[in-house]
Amino acid sequence: MKVKHSPARTMIDVGTAKTPPSSLARQMQRVRGARAIDDLAARFSSSPVVLIAGQQCTGKGTVAPLVGKALAGEDARIKGTGKLMREAAQQAGKDVETFVKSVPPDFDVELDYRAAKLVAEGGVDVFESRLAGHLGRMLQAKGRSNLVSVYLTASPREQALRYLQREVGPEARSRVEQRVIIPKTATLEEALTLAAAADPEVKAKIGPIIDEVGARDEVDRKRLLSLYGVDYQDPSAFDVVVSTDGKTPQQVTAEVIAAVKARNQR
């Protein structure tokens, strides 16, 4: 059953067409051995898993647990690549920053393989990862069912306002919303720069790191392009795309749940 929507809707079903073995699969085979993907397929579960991705400040961290609880109850198993990294650092007896500096170059591939294994085996209800769409496609191509990948989006203006709310405070967000007109064509860096110029508290707290924050998504995009040859920001890699602009976390969650249930009824 196709998810139908009018042009005004922001939830888009972009399909799950199978593709040839991806560079993601090839890299995992290089690091884990030729049978790495077949080993995943041999352990496939039919348990439903929702994979969530998006750029910073699009609501991933807020929406993921809400989606998990809506689908699997209070005991929902929710993980992400970041949590896997923290667990690996803890096992090594190191803080994350020290651990990241100590791992071999192929550790990113190893970590992504662990994520793929967790999803393949149904060891999680919701998984958050930059590679969510591409992981889902890779596993679906081998026959893993009951996976739905979701890409959350937000305009740079909304991303900037959410960043201010999180890092400076809700009062700062409110002040900036009242004082600053952020063009729809602005980048996140430009939006944060305008906010800092208009508010001394914002400038003091985030001024020195605006460049770093603004470039973070692009740094991740280039890293994954170099490693796997995939663009994690490409919405066509995902089953569902949801805009979070102007919506509460509960509204976004409801939209995601509706899309997941619609796809699972096919």
Foldseek 3Di string as FASTA:
>chain_A
DDDDDDPPAFKDFLDQDADPQFLLNVLLCVVVNVCLLVVLLVQADQAAAEEEEEDAQLCPVPQQVVLQCVVPNPPFFEEELVVLLCVVCVVVVHGSVVVVVPDDPSVVSVSVSVVLSCVRNVVGRYYYYLCRLVSVSNNVNSPRPNYFYEYGYEQLLSSLLSVCCVQPRPVLSVVCVVPDDDDSPDQNLRNLVRSCVVDVSSCVRCVVCSVVSRCVLVVVQVVCCVNGVDGSPDCSSGRIYGYCPPHDSVVRSVVVVVSSVVVVVD
